[in-house]
C-alpha atoms as a PDB file:
ATOM      1  CA  MET A   1     104.361 158.385  63.978  1.00  0.00           C
ATOM      2  CA  SER A   2     103.596 156.614  66.843  1.00  0.00           C
ATOM      3  CA  LYS A   3     106.570 157.185  68.512  1.00  0.00           C
ATOM      4  CA  LEU A   4     105.731 160.960  68.460  1.00  0.00           C
ATOM      5  CA  ALA A   5     102.257 160.279  69.652  1.00  0.00           C
ATOM      6  CA  ALA A   6     104.254 158.580  73.023  1.00  0.00           C
ATOM      7  CA  ALA A   7     106.625 161.785  73.268  1.00  0.00           C
ATOM      8  CA  VAL A   8     103.694 164.309  73.799  1.00  0.00           C
ATOM      9  CA  ASP A   9     102.549 161.760  75.799  1.00  0.00           C
ATOM     10  CA  HIS A  10     105.804 161.887  77.843  1.00  0.00           C
ATOM     11  CA  ALA A  11     104.928 163.255  81.810  1.00  0.00           C
ATOM     12  CA  LEU A  12     107.852 165.480  80.965  1.00  0.00           C
ATOM     13  CA  SER A  13     107.066 166.929  77.753  1.00  0.00           C
ATOM     14  CA  ARG A  14     103.222 167.347  79.069  1.00  0.00           C
ATOM     15  CA  VAL A  15     104.989 169.007  81.698  1.00  0.00           C
ATOM     16  CA  LEU A  16     106.548 171.531  79.780  1.00  0.00           C
ATOM     17  CA  LEU A  17     103.566 171.604  77.014  1.00  0.00           C
ATOM     18  CA  GLY A  18     101.204 172.996  79.874  1.00  0.00           C
ATOM     19  CA  LEU A  19     103.909 174.942  81.020  1.00  0.00           C
ATOM     20  CA  LEU A  20     104.357 176.968  77.791  1.00  0.00           C
ATOM     21  CA  GLY A  21     100.521 176.823  76.970  1.00  0.00           C
ATOM     22  CA  VAL A  22     100.379 178.775  79.994  1.00  0.00           C
ATOM     23  CA  LEU A  23     103.227 181.747  78.913  1.00  0.00           C
ATOM     24  CA  VAL A  24     101.747 180.801  74.841  1.00  0.00           C
ATOM     25  CA  THR A  25      97.637 181.713  76.227  1.00  0.00           C
ATOM     26  CA  ALA A  26      98.933 184.870  78.192  1.00  0.00           C
ATOM     27  CA  SER A  27     100.732 186.393  75.505  1.00  0.00           C
ATOM     28  CA  ILE A  28      99.768 184.747  71.883  1.00  0.00           C
ATOM     29  CA  GLY A  29      95.394 184.663  73.454  1.00  0.00           C
ATOM     30  CA  VAL A  30      95.430 188.293  74.724  1.00  0.00           C
ATOM     31  CA  PHE A  31      96.247 189.887  70.826  1.00  0.00           C
ATOM     32  CA  ALA A  32      94.361 186.510  69.434  1.00  0.00           C
ATOM     33  CA  LEU A  33      91.117 187.991  71.043  1.00  0.00           C
ATOM     34  CA  GLY A  34      91.953 191.482  70.009  1.00  0.00           C
ATOM     35  CA  PHE A  35      92.216 190.722  66.399  1.00  0.00           C
ATOM     36  CA  VAL A  36      89.280 187.807  66.671  1.00  0.00           C
ATOM     37  CA  SER A  37      86.950 191.363  68.339  1.00  0.00           C
ATOM     38  CA  VAL A  38      87.442 192.962  65.197  1.00  0.00           C
ATOM     39  CA  ASN A  39      85.396 193.287  62.250  1.00  0.00           C
ATOM     40  CA  PRO A  40      85.526 190.809  60.202  1.00  0.00           C
ATOM     41  CA  LEU A  41      84.268 192.782  56.851  1.00  0.00           C
ATOM     42  CA  ARG A  42      86.710 195.616  57.326  1.00  0.00           C
ATOM     43  CA  GLU A  43      89.642 193.609  58.381  1.00  0.00           C
ATOM     44  CA  PRO A  44      89.446 190.586  57.316  1.00  0.00           C
ATOM     45  CA  ALA A  45      92.962 189.182  57.497  1.00  0.00           C
ATOM     46  CA  ALA A  46      93.005 190.561  60.777  1.00  0.00           C
ATOM     47  CA  PHE A  47      90.163 188.791  61.904  1.00  0.00           C
ATOM     48  CA  LEU A  48      91.317 185.575  60.860  1.00  0.00           C
ATOM     49  CA  VAL A  49      94.419 185.785  62.191  1.00  0.00           C
ATOM     50  CA  GLY A  50      93.067 186.521  65.873  1.00  0.00           C
ATOM     51  CA  LEU A  51      91.026 182.917  64.710  1.00  0.00           C
ATOM     52  CA  GLY A  52      93.543 181.138  63.770  1.00  0.00           C
ATOM     53  CA  GLY A  53      95.175 181.953  67.070  1.00  0.00           C
ATOM     54  CA  CYS A  54      92.440 181.228  69.256  1.00  0.00           C
ATOM     55  CA  LEU A  55      91.770 178.159  67.465  1.00  0.00           C
ATOM     56  CA  GLY A  56      95.452 176.843  67.362  1.00  0.00           C
ATOM     57  CA  LEU A  57      95.060 177.391  71.463  1.00  0.00           C
ATOM     58  CA  LEU A  58      91.712 175.249  71.618  1.00  0.00           C
ATOM     59  CA  GLY A  59      94.646 172.444  69.528  1.00  0.00           C
ATOM     60  CA  TRP A  60      97.137 173.178  71.900  1.00  0.00           C
ATOM     61  CA  TRP A  61      95.045 172.605  75.303  1.00  0.00           C
ATOM     62  CA  LEU A  62      93.408 169.669  74.008  1.00  0.00           C
ATOM     63  CA  ARG A  63      96.307 168.274  73.145  1.00  0.00           C
ATOM     64  CA  VAL A  64      97.947 168.760  76.491  1.00  0.00           C
ATOM     65  CA  ALA A  65      94.182 167.814  78.376  1.00  0.00           C
ATOM     66  CA  PHE A  66      94.034 164.214  76.095  1.00  0.00           C
ATOM     67  CA  ARG A  67      96.435 161.124  75.739  1.00  0.00           C
ATOM     68  CA  SER A  68      97.505 159.412  73.136  1.00  0.00           C
ATOM     69  CA  SER A  69      94.925 156.313  74.434  1.00  0.00           C
ATOM     70  CA  SER A  70      92.205 158.823  75.145  1.00  0.00           C
ATOM     71  CA  LEU A  71      92.219 160.722  71.667  1.00  0.00           C
ATOM     72  CA  ALA A  72      92.473 157.278  69.704  1.00  0.00           C
ATOM     73  CA  ARG A  73      89.040 155.847  71.011  1.00  0.00           C
ATOM     74  CA  ARG A  74      87.386 159.322  69.926  1.00  0.00           C
ATOM     75  CA  PRO A  75      88.084 159.887  66.412  1.00  0.00           C
ATOM     76  CA  ARG A  76      86.005 163.214  65.907  1.00  0.00           C
ATOM     77  CA  LEU A  77      87.839 164.514  69.021  1.00  0.00           C
ATOM     78  CA  ARG A  78      91.193 163.823  67.592  1.00  0.00           C
ATOM     79  CA  GLY A  79      90.526 165.051  64.649  1.00  0.00           C
ATOM     80  CA  ALA A  80      89.447 168.134  66.022  1.00  0.00           C
ATOM     81  CA  THR A  81      92.248 168.593  67.662  1.00  0.00           C
ATOM     82  CA  GLY A  82      94.331 168.189  65.074  1.00  0.00           C
ATOM     83  CA  ALA A  83      92.518 170.741  62.847  1.00  0.00           C
ATOM     84  CA  SER A  84      93.033 173.272  65.269  1.00  0.00           C
ATOM     85  CA  LEU A  85      96.986 172.974  65.416  1.00  0.00           C
ATOM     86  CA  LEU A  86      96.860 172.959  61.945  1.00  0.00           C
ATOM     87  CA  LEU A  87      95.333 175.934  61.523  1.00  0.00           C
ATOM     88  CA  GLY A  88      97.249 177.706  64.876  1.00  0.00           C
ATOM     89  CA  LEU A  89     100.413 176.615  63.110  1.00  0.00           C
ATOM     90  CA  ALA A  90      99.077 178.474  60.129  1.00  0.00           C
ATOM     91  CA  THR A  91      98.544 180.846  61.618  1.00  0.00           C
ATOM     92  CA  VAL A  92     102.383 181.216  63.597  1.00  0.00           C
ATOM     93  CA  LEU A  93     103.661 180.353  60.351  1.00  0.00           C
ATOM     94  CA  TYR A  94     102.030 183.694  58.360  1.00  0.00           C
ATOM     95  CA  GLN A  95     103.464 185.718  61.444  1.00  0.00           C
ATOM     96  CA  LEU A  96     106.140 185.054  60.897  1.00  0.00           C
ATOM     97  CA  ALA A  97     106.319 185.436  57.614  1.00  0.00           C
ATOM     98  CA  ARG A  98     105.312 189.209  58.535  1.00  0.00           C
ATOM     99  CA  LEU A  99     107.218 189.983  60.824  1.00  0.00           C
ATOM    100  CA  PRO A 100     110.533 191.381  60.000  1.00  0.00           C
ATOM    101  CA  LEU A 101     113.790 189.817  61.373  1.00  0.00           C
ATOM    102  CA  SER A 102     114.954 191.831  63.485  1.00  0.00           C
ATOM    103  CA  ALA A 103     111.964 191.527  65.501  1.00  0.00           C
ATOM    104  CA  GLY A 104     112.027 190.197  69.290  1.00  0.00           C
ATOM    105  CA  ALA A 105     108.725 187.862  69.134  1.00  0.00           C
ATOM    106  CA  LEU A 106     110.567 185.729  66.331  1.00  0.00           C
ATOM    107  CA  PRO A 107     112.080 183.867  68.393  1.00  0.00           C
ATOM    108  CA  PHE A 108     108.997 183.091  70.338  1.00  0.00           C
ATOM    109  CA  LEU A 109     107.123 182.563  67.761  1.00  0.00           C
ATOM    110  CA  ALA A 110     109.694 180.031  65.577  1.00  0.00           C
ATOM    111  CA  VAL A 111     109.518 177.931  68.969  1.00  0.00           C
ATOM    112  CA  VAL A 112     105.599 177.834  69.549  1.00  0.00           C
ATOM    113  CA  GLY A 113     105.488 177.202  66.191  1.00  0.00           C
ATOM    114  CA  ALA A 114     108.466 173.971  66.970  1.00  0.00           C
ATOM    115  CA  ALA A 115     105.869 172.836  69.787  1.00  0.00           C
ATOM    116  CA  ALA A 116     103.257 172.586  66.943  1.00  0.00           C
ATOM    117  CA  ILE A 117     104.813 170.520  64.705  1.00  0.00           C
ATOM    118  CA  PHE A 118     105.872 168.494  67.228  1.00  0.00           C
ATOM    119  CA  MET A 119     101.859 168.241  69.255  1.00  0.00           C
ATOM    120  CA  PHE A 120     100.434 168.225  65.090  1.00  0.00           C
ATOM    121  CA  LEU A 121     102.621 165.244  64.286  1.00  0.00           C
ATOM    122  CA  GLY A 122     102.122 163.616  67.512  1.00  0.00           C
ATOM    123  CA  THR A 123      98.641 163.694  67.004  1.00  0.00           C
ATOM    124  CA  LEU A 124      98.534 162.324  63.604  1.00  0.00           C
ATOM    125  CA  GLY A 125     100.561 159.203  64.528  1.00  0.00           C
ATOM    126  CA  ILE A 126      97.649 157.916  67.142  1.00  0.00           C
ATOM    127  CA  ALA A 127      96.750 154.900  65.982  1.00  0.00           C
ATOM    128  CA  GLY A 128      93.130 155.178  65.541  1.00  0.00           C
ATOM    129  CA  SER A 129      90.734 152.070  66.685  1.00  0.00           C
ATOM    130  CA  GLY A 130      88.985 150.033  64.493  1.00  0.00           C
ATOM    131  CA  PRO A 131      88.751 146.604  62.286  1.00  0.00           C
ATOM    132  CA  ASN A 132      92.053 146.546  62.222  1.00  0.00           C
ATOM    133  CA  ASN A 133      92.893 147.918  65.276  1.00  0.00           C
ATOM    134  CA  SER A 134      90.900 145.963  67.679  1.00  0.00           C
ATOM    135  CA  SER A 135      91.885 145.010  71.088  1.00  0.00           C
ATOM    136  CA  LYS A 136      90.169 142.161  71.659  1.00  0.00           C
ATOM    137  CA  PRO A 137      91.080 138.130  71.807  1.00  0.00           C
ATOM    138  CA  THR A 138      91.261 136.598  68.789  1.00  0.00           C
ATOM    139  CA  PRO A 139      88.812 133.273  69.491  1.00  0.00           C
ATOM    140  CA  LEU A 140      89.969 129.839  69.537  1.00  0.00           C
ATOM    141  CA  ARG A 141      90.356 127.707  67.121  1.00  0.00           C
ATOM    142  CA  GLY A 142      86.724 125.187  66.905  1.00  0.00           C
ATOM    143  CA  ALA A 143      85.277 126.712  69.765  1.00  0.00           C
ATOM    144  CA  ALA A 144      81.734 126.988  69.392  1.00  0.00           C
END
């Protein structure tokens, strides 16, 4: 899993994920904002799809913006990023299940879903900073 985190942090991956993120934000972001603006009591499914899309995009950009080393020092941010990516992935999978097989959006959503899985697993693979993962040097034996 740590290799996936390193792969997400690779410069080429970050550039490609950023470019794909611009395309995803421009296309899915518009629909997500439209769905979030509906009355959640009248159309709860549309509202939840929009909310999941917006949160997924937030997670996408958080993961592109922050390297693993930065997320390892911020466990709350790492958790929020992972949760947002997972909600976005669930939204993409929900949309894939609802689309007809001949839909033109199917390949695009499949690519977005694969990238979201890649980033989510790369976020899970980040080693957190804790008592067993300290960067402090071990003390010398017999040191006073």
